[in-house]
C-alpha atoms as a PDB file:
ATOM      1  CA  MET A   1     108.990 161.494 140.086  1.00  0.00           C
ATOM      2  CA  ALA A   2     106.990 162.379 136.989  1.00  0.00           C
ATOM      3  CA  ARG A   3     105.681 158.794 136.881  1.00  0.00           C
ATOM      4  CA  LEU A   4     104.617 159.033 140.526  1.00  0.00           C
ATOM      5  CA  TYR A   5     103.281 162.562 140.761  1.00  0.00           C
ATOM      6  CA  GLY A   6     102.904 163.872 137.215  1.00  0.00           C
ATOM      7  CA  LYS A   7     104.826 166.360 135.065  1.00  0.00           C
ATOM      8  CA  GLY A   8     103.156 169.563 136.223  1.00  0.00           C
ATOM      9  CA  GLN A   9     103.565 171.745 139.289  1.00  0.00           C
ATOM     10  CA  TYR A  10     103.113 169.937 142.600  1.00  0.00           C
ATOM     11  CA  ASN A  11     101.636 172.920 144.478  1.00  0.00           C
ATOM     12  CA  GLY A  12     102.798 171.830 147.913  1.00  0.00           C
ATOM     13  CA  GLU A  13     101.654 168.209 147.519  1.00  0.00           C
ATOM     14  CA  VAL A  14     105.204 166.777 147.328  1.00  0.00           C
ATOM     15  CA  LEU A  15     107.798 167.371 150.045  1.00  0.00           C
ATOM     16  CA  TRP A  16     111.533 166.719 150.288  1.00  0.00           C
ATOM     17  CA  PHE A  17     113.037 165.868 153.682  1.00  0.00           C
ATOM     18  CA  ASP A  18     116.770 165.370 154.141  1.00  0.00           C
ATOM     19  CA  GLY A  19     116.718 164.518 157.838  1.00  0.00           C
ATOM     20  CA  GLU A  20     116.931 168.151 158.891  1.00  0.00           C
ATOM     21  CA  ARG A  21     114.898 170.308 156.526  1.00  0.00           C
ATOM     22  CA  LEU A  22     111.444 169.922 154.996  1.00  0.00           C
ATOM     23  CA  LYS A  23     111.010 171.647 151.634  1.00  0.00           C
ATOM     24  CA  ASN A  24     108.235 171.971 149.084  1.00  0.00           C
ATOM     25  CA  VAL A  25     109.100 170.400 145.723  1.00  0.00           C
ATOM     26  CA  GLN A  26     107.859 172.590 142.877  1.00  0.00           C
ATOM     27  CA  GLY A  27     107.923 169.934 140.131  1.00  0.00           C
ATOM     28  CA  PRO A  28     109.814 166.940 138.690  1.00  0.00           C
ATOM     29  CA  GLY A  29     112.707 169.158 137.574  1.00  0.00           C
ATOM     30  CA  SER A  30     113.292 170.716 140.987  1.00  0.00           C
ATOM     31  CA  PRO A  31     116.931 170.811 142.162  1.00  0.00           C
ATOM     32  CA  GLU A  32     116.034 168.795 145.284  1.00  0.00           C
ATOM     33  CA  LEU A  33     115.339 165.830 143.024  1.00  0.00           C
ATOM     34  CA  ARG A  34     118.485 166.004 140.925  1.00  0.00           C
ATOM     35  CA  PHE A  35     122.149 165.332 141.495  1.00  0.00           C
ATOM     36  CA  PRO A  36     124.646 167.927 140.244  1.00  0.00           C
ATOM     37  CA  ALA A  37     125.663 167.464 136.604  1.00  0.00           C
ATOM     38  CA  ASN A  38     128.581 165.044 137.023  1.00  0.00           C
ATOM     39  CA  LEU A  39     127.985 162.907 133.917  1.00  0.00           C
ATOM     40  CA  CYS A  40     128.687 164.012 130.376  1.00  0.00           C
ATOM     41  CA  GLN A  41     125.620 164.517 128.200  1.00  0.00           C
ATOM     42  CA  THR A  42     126.329 161.416 126.105  1.00  0.00           C
ATOM     43  CA  CYS A  43     126.650 159.207 129.194  1.00  0.00           C
ATOM     44  CA  ASN A  44     123.527 160.655 130.792  1.00  0.00           C
ATOM     45  CA  ASN A  45     121.431 160.261 127.640  1.00  0.00           C
ATOM     46  CA  ALA A  46     122.367 157.793 124.883  1.00  0.00           C
ATOM     47  CA  THR A  47     124.639 155.505 126.909  1.00  0.00           C
ATOM     48  CA  SER A  48     122.348 155.191 129.903  1.00  0.00           C
ATOM     49  CA  GLN A  49     119.026 155.085 128.038  1.00  0.00           C
ATOM     50  CA  PRO A  50     118.722 151.259 128.357  1.00  0.00           C
ATOM     51  CA  PHE A  51     119.344 151.608 132.110  1.00  0.00           C
ATOM     52  CA  ASP A  52     116.630 154.245 132.435  1.00  0.00           C
ATOM     53  CA  LEU A  53     114.143 152.159 130.427  1.00  0.00           C
ATOM     54  CA  ALA A  54     114.839 149.102 132.596  1.00  0.00           C
ATOM     55  CA  TYR A  55     114.197 151.201 135.711  1.00  0.00           C
ATOM     56  CA  ASP A  56     110.972 152.603 134.207  1.00  0.00           C
ATOM     57  CA  ASP A  57     109.646 149.073 133.625  1.00  0.00           C
ATOM     58  CA  TRP A  58     110.791 147.903 137.071  1.00  0.00           C
ATOM     59  CA  SER A  59     109.212 150.887 138.823  1.00  0.00           C
ATOM     60  CA  ASP A  60     105.902 150.360 137.001  1.00  0.00           C
ATOM     61  CA  TYR A  61     105.931 146.737 138.139  1.00  0.00           C
ATOM     62  CA  ILE A  62     106.685 147.722 141.737  1.00  0.00           C
ATOM     63  CA  LEU A  63     104.104 150.470 142.031  1.00  0.00           C
ATOM     64  CA  ASN A  64     101.363 148.465 140.305  1.00  0.00           C
ATOM     65  CA  ASP A  65     101.758 145.397 142.541  1.00  0.00           C
ATOM     66  CA  LEU A  66     103.121 146.556 145.900  1.00  0.00           C
ATOM     67  CA  ASP A  67     100.693 144.523 147.982  1.00  0.00           C
ATOM     68  CA  GLY A  68     101.134 141.402 145.831  1.00  0.00           C
ATOM     69  CA  ILE A  69     104.907 141.647 146.088  1.00  0.00           C
ATOM     70  CA  TYR A  70     104.616 141.961 149.853  1.00  0.00           C
ATOM     71  CA  ARG A  71     102.470 138.808 150.056  1.00  0.00           C
ATOM     72  CA  ARG A  72     104.784 136.771 147.822  1.00  0.00           C
ATOM     73  CA  GLN A  73     108.007 138.294 149.232  1.00  0.00           C
ATOM     74  CA  THR A  74     109.629 137.880 145.826  1.00  0.00           C
ATOM     75  CA  LEU A  75     110.352 139.998 142.762  1.00  0.00           C
ATOM     76  CA  ASP A  76     109.661 138.413 139.376  1.00  0.00           C
ATOM     77  CA  MET A  77     112.145 139.989 136.992  1.00  0.00           C
ATOM     78  CA  GLN A  78     110.380 138.546 133.961  1.00  0.00           C
ATOM     79  CA  GLN A  79     107.175 140.323 134.956  1.00  0.00           C
ATOM     80  CA  ALA A  80     109.159 143.480 135.649  1.00  0.00           C
ATOM     81  CA  LEU A  81     111.428 143.527 132.588  1.00  0.00           C
ATOM     82  CA  GLY A  82     109.709 141.312 130.004  1.00  0.00           C
ATOM     83  CA  ASP A  83     110.736 138.126 128.222  1.00  0.00           C
ATOM     84  CA  ASP A  84     114.248 139.471 127.665  1.00  0.00           C
ATOM     85  CA  TRP A  85     114.672 139.992 131.423  1.00  0.00           C
ATOM     86  CA  ALA A  86     117.938 138.018 131.516  1.00  0.00           C
ATOM     87  CA  ALA A  87     119.530 140.490 129.106  1.00  0.00           C
ATOM     88  CA  ARG A  88     118.088 143.505 130.939  1.00  0.00           C
ATOM     89  CA  VAL A  89     118.618 142.669 134.606  1.00  0.00           C
ATOM     90  CA  ASP A  90     122.154 144.075 134.525  1.00  0.00           C
ATOM     91  CA  ASP A  91     120.827 147.238 132.873  1.00  0.00           C
ATOM     92  CA  LEU A  92     118.570 147.670 135.906  1.00  0.00           C
ATOM     93  CA  THR A  93     121.576 147.240 138.195  1.00  0.00           C
ATOM     94  CA  ARG A  94     123.465 149.758 136.034  1.00  0.00           C
ATOM     95  CA  TYR A  95     120.672 152.276 136.611  1.00  0.00           C
ATOM     96  CA  PHE A  96     121.222 151.966 140.354  1.00  0.00           C
ATOM     97  CA  VAL A  97     125.015 152.064 139.919  1.00  0.00           C
ATOM     98  CA  LYS A  98     124.611 155.331 137.991  1.00  0.00           C
ATOM     99  CA  HIS A  99     122.539 156.640 140.910  1.00  0.00           C
ATOM    100  CA  ILE A 100     125.193 155.458 143.383  1.00  0.00           C
ATOM    101  CA  GLY A 101     128.021 157.031 141.389  1.00  0.00           C
ATOM    102  CA  CYS A 102     126.243 160.389 141.103  1.00  0.00           C
ATOM    103  CA  ARG A 103     125.526 160.333 144.816  1.00  0.00           C
ATOM    104  CA  MET A 104     129.130 159.495 145.691  1.00  0.00           C
ATOM    105  CA  ALA A 105     130.415 162.242 143.381  1.00  0.00           C
ATOM    106  CA  ARG A 106     128.033 164.757 144.926  1.00  0.00           C
ATOM    107  CA  ASP A 107     129.330 163.863 148.381  1.00  0.00           C
ATOM    108  CA  GLN A 108     132.959 163.989 147.148  1.00  0.00           C
ATOM    109  CA  VAL A 109     133.568 160.258 147.603  1.00  0.00           C
ATOM    110  CA  ARG A 110     135.764 158.616 144.973  1.00  0.00           C
ATOM    111  CA  VAL A 111     133.794 156.307 142.687  1.00  0.00           C
ATOM    112  CA  PRO A 112     135.544 152.925 142.277  1.00  0.00           C
ATOM    113  CA  ASP A 113     136.940 152.335 138.791  1.00  0.00           C
ATOM    114  CA  ASP A 114     135.154 148.993 138.476  1.00  0.00           C
ATOM    115  CA  LEU A 115     131.751 150.681 138.841  1.00  0.00           C
ATOM    116  CA  VAL A 116     132.633 153.050 135.992  1.00  0.00           C
ATOM    117  CA  ASP A 117     133.736 150.058 133.893  1.00  0.00           C
ATOM    118  CA  PHE A 118     130.496 148.225 134.711  1.00  0.00           C
ATOM    119  CA  LEU A 119     128.464 151.189 133.440  1.00  0.00           C
ATOM    120  CA  SER A 120     130.376 151.128 130.167  1.00  0.00           C
ATOM    121  CA  GLY A 121     129.963 147.345 129.848  1.00  0.00           C
ATOM    122  CA  THR A 122     133.693 146.595 130.077  1.00  0.00           C
ATOM    123  CA  GLY A 123     133.952 144.949 133.485  1.00  0.00           C
ATOM    124  CA  GLU A 124     132.350 143.450 136.566  1.00  0.00           C
ATOM    125  CA  PRO A 125     131.337 145.596 139.583  1.00  0.00           C
ATOM    126  CA  ALA A 126     133.847 143.903 141.883  1.00  0.00           C
ATOM    127  CA  SER A 127     133.368 146.431 144.685  1.00  0.00           C
ATOM    128  CA  LEU A 128     129.546 146.170 144.818  1.00  0.00           C
ATOM    129  CA  ARG A 129     127.323 143.936 146.900  1.00  0.00           C
ATOM    130  CA  CYS A 130     123.627 144.652 146.473  1.00  0.00           C
ATOM    131  CA  GLY A 131     120.129 143.212 146.623  1.00  0.00           C
ATOM    132  CA  TYR A 132     116.445 143.918 147.175  1.00  0.00           C
ATOM    133  CA  GLY A 133     114.405 143.831 150.359  1.00  0.00           C
ATOM    134  CA  ILE A 134     111.253 144.972 152.118  1.00  0.00           C
ATOM    135  CA  ARG A 135     111.596 147.911 154.488  1.00  0.00           C
ATOM    136  CA  LYS A 136     109.230 147.115 157.383  1.00  0.00           C
ATOM    137  CA  ASP A 137     109.131 150.751 158.517  1.00  0.00           C
ATOM    138  CA  LEU A 138     108.104 151.944 155.048  1.00  0.00           C
ATOM    139  CA  HIS A 139     105.521 149.171 154.781  1.00  0.00           C
ATOM    140  CA  LYS A 140     103.897 150.425 157.992  1.00  0.00           C
ATOM    141  CA  LEU A 141     103.869 153.924 156.536  1.00  0.00           C
ATOM    142  CA  HIS A 142     102.339 152.545 153.336  1.00  0.00           C
ATOM    143  CA  LYS A 143      99.498 150.879 155.273  1.00  0.00           C
ATOM    144  CA  LYS A 144      98.776 154.031 157.262  1.00  0.00           C
ATOM    145  CA  GLY A 145      98.882 156.139 154.120  1.00  0.00           C
ATOM    146  CA  ARG A 146      96.337 153.974 152.332  1.00  0.00           C
ATOM    147  CA  ARG A 147      93.800 154.804 155.022  1.00  0.00           C
ATOM    148  CA  HIS A 148      94.231 158.456 154.030  1.00  0.00           C
ATOM    149  CA  GLY A 149      94.331 157.944 150.275  1.00  0.00           C
ATOM    150  CA  ASP A 150      98.125 157.996 149.860  1.00  0.00           C
ATOM    151  CA  THR A 151     100.575 155.115 149.429  1.00  0.00           C
ATOM    152  CA  PHE A 152     103.685 157.166 150.335  1.00  0.00           C
ATOM    153  CA  GLY A 153     105.436 155.761 147.280  1.00  0.00           C
ATOM    154  CA  GLY A 154     108.638 157.658 147.845  1.00  0.00           C
ATOM    155  CA  PRO A 155     111.240 157.499 146.477  1.00  0.00           C
ATOM    156  CA  TRP A 156     113.297 157.147 149.644  1.00  0.00           C
ATOM    157  CA  MET A 157     117.064 157.335 150.052  1.00  0.00           C
ATOM    158  CA  ARG A 158     118.731 155.852 153.106  1.00  0.00           C
ATOM    159  CA  PRO A 159     121.520 158.034 154.592  1.00  0.00           C
ATOM    160  CA  LEU A 160     124.947 157.285 153.121  1.00  0.00           C
ATOM    161  CA  GLN A 161     127.003 155.629 155.858  1.00  0.00           C
ATOM    162  CA  CYS A 162     130.754 155.624 155.276  1.00  0.00           C
ATOM    163  CA  TRP A 163     133.865 154.148 156.890  1.00  0.00           C
ATOM    164  CA  TYR A 164     137.076 156.159 156.723  1.00  0.00           C
ATOM    165  CA  SER A 165     140.599 154.734 156.936  1.00  0.00           C
ATOM    166  CA  PRO A 166     143.195 157.159 158.343  1.00  0.00           C
ATOM    167  CA  SER A 167     145.987 154.871 157.144  1.00  0.00           C
ATOM    168  CA  ILE A 168     145.138 155.298 153.445  1.00  0.00           C
ATOM    169  CA  GLY A 169     143.387 158.634 153.825  1.00  0.00           C
ATOM    170  CA  GLU A 170     140.087 157.831 152.161  1.00  0.00           C
ATOM    171  CA  ILE A 171     136.672 156.258 152.596  1.00  0.00           C
ATOM    172  CA  THR A 172     136.958 152.489 152.217  1.00  0.00           C
ATOM    173  CA  GLU A 173     133.369 151.252 152.592  1.00  0.00           C
ATOM    174  CA  LEU A 174     129.891 152.698 152.342  1.00  0.00           C
ATOM    175  CA  GLU A 175     126.333 151.461 152.489  1.00  0.00           C
ATOM    176  CA  SER A 176     122.899 152.857 151.735  1.00  0.00           C
ATOM    177  CA  GLY A 177     119.684 152.090 149.878  1.00  0.00           C
ATOM    178  CA  TYR A 178     117.087 153.453 147.472  1.00  0.00           C
ATOM    179  CA  ALA A 179     113.450 152.491 147.977  1.00  0.00           C
ATOM    180  CA  LEU A 180     110.312 152.786 145.902  1.00  0.00           C
ATOM    181  CA  GLY A 181     107.231 152.224 147.988  1.00  0.00           C
ATOM    182  CA  PHE A 182     108.675 149.861 150.587  1.00  0.00           C
ATOM    183  CA  ILE A 183     110.826 147.847 148.153  1.00  0.00           C
ATOM    184  CA  GLU A 184     114.460 148.795 148.605  1.00  0.00           C
ATOM    185  CA  PHE A 185     117.534 148.321 146.474  1.00  0.00           C
ATOM    186  CA  TRP A 186     120.282 148.150 149.106  1.00  0.00           C
ATOM    187  CA  TYR A 187     123.968 148.388 148.407  1.00  0.00           C
ATOM    188  CA  TRP A 188     127.308 148.006 150.128  1.00  0.00           C
ATOM    189  CA  ILE A 189     130.519 149.122 148.439  1.00  0.00           C
ATOM    190  CA  ARG A 190     134.096 148.256 149.348  1.00  0.00           C
ATOM    191  CA  VAL A 191     136.316 150.521 147.296  1.00  0.00           C
ATOM    192  CA  ASP A 192     139.322 149.313 145.296  1.00  0.00           C
ATOM    193  CA  SER A 193     142.025 150.264 147.769  1.00  0.00           C
ATOM    194  CA  ALA A 194     140.294 148.401 150.631  1.00  0.00           C
ATOM    195  CA  ARG A 195     140.300 145.068 148.783  1.00  0.00           C
ATOM    196  CA  ASP A 196     143.069 142.654 147.905  1.00  0.00           C
ATOM    197  CA  LYS A 197     143.955 142.967 144.243  1.00  0.00           C
ATOM    198  CA  GLU A 198     142.302 139.681 143.279  1.00  0.00           C
ATOM    199  CA  GLU A 199     139.365 139.895 145.714  1.00  0.00           C
ATOM    200  CA  VAL A 200     135.930 140.025 144.124  1.00  0.00           C
ATOM    201  CA  PHE A 201     133.443 141.489 146.534  1.00  0.00           C
ATOM    202  CA  SER A 202     130.612 141.547 144.003  1.00  0.00           C
ATOM    203  CA  ASP A 203     127.247 139.917 144.610  1.00  0.00           C
ATOM    204  CA  ARG A 204     124.167 141.105 142.713  1.00  0.00           C
ATOM    205  CA  PRO A 205     120.739 139.658 141.818  1.00  0.00           C
ATOM    206  CA  GLN A 206     120.739 137.943 138.422  1.00  0.00           C
ATOM    207  CA  SER A 207     117.985 135.327 138.751  1.00  0.00           C
ATOM    208  CA  ARG A 208     114.393 135.613 137.573  1.00  0.00           C
ATOM    209  CA  GLU A 209     112.918 135.331 141.088  1.00  0.00           C
ATOM    210  CA  VAL A 210     114.528 137.428 143.801  1.00  0.00           C
ATOM    211  CA  ASN A 211     113.632 136.624 147.404  1.00  0.00           C
ATOM    212  CA  LEU A 212     112.979 139.648 149.597  1.00  0.00           C
ATOM    213  CA  ASP A 213     114.146 139.755 153.196  1.00  0.00           C
ATOM    214  CA  LYS A 214     112.295 142.024 155.613  1.00  0.00           C
ATOM    215  CA  TYR A 215     114.257 144.447 157.739  1.00  0.00           C
ATOM    216  CA  GLY A 216     113.857 147.683 159.649  1.00  0.00           C
ATOM    217  CA  VAL A 217     115.272 151.159 159.349  1.00  0.00           C
ATOM    218  CA  SER A 218     118.801 149.944 160.128  1.00  0.00           C
ATOM    219  CA  GLY A 219     118.711 147.926 156.899  1.00  0.00           C
ATOM    220  CA  PRO A 220     120.047 144.465 156.011  1.00  0.00           C
ATOM    221  CA  PHE A 221     123.496 145.505 157.223  1.00  0.00           C
ATOM    222  CA  ALA A 222     122.695 145.213 160.945  1.00  0.00           C
END
């Protein structure tokens, strides 16, 4: 948020909407913009610093070339992350996995063990399927905003949609997305207990060029 809107007070220029309530955001440290403290200080600082730096570079790339990305309908991870993009692309995914885990913990949904292992670098995110796309609804908002001097950069969080299994007594699948501008990182998680022991659900972008599908508010899951 500080990169988008500055580090000072927002004075009513930034709003938070959760689908029901509209609230003024006072500044980048406002509680509306933060998840509850569910990571230890070491994990949230030293351990995750490479993830945060990868996201900072990616977000700069997105916000500085939104219209070009829309025309090309691809993300260039080398442009976003530098010449060592191949070593950093998983750090970018880990940033989003940290976001997902904090969101799940806030909503009292059990975080799959493999996602925790992926953050620590000791395993694959077998329960995660994710990718990038263009939200057509947010692109329309972006075009309208430009006529009024605003790009409506977001960030935007799609509602967290969950499937509950009465037989095992827990949520088994969930899907959502996080968008900057109109470029969305979408994700679909099938938790450990909903998969066969040897099943690997994982699918994540790891190539230099990532093709972007266009989809509406219902997301790529429809």
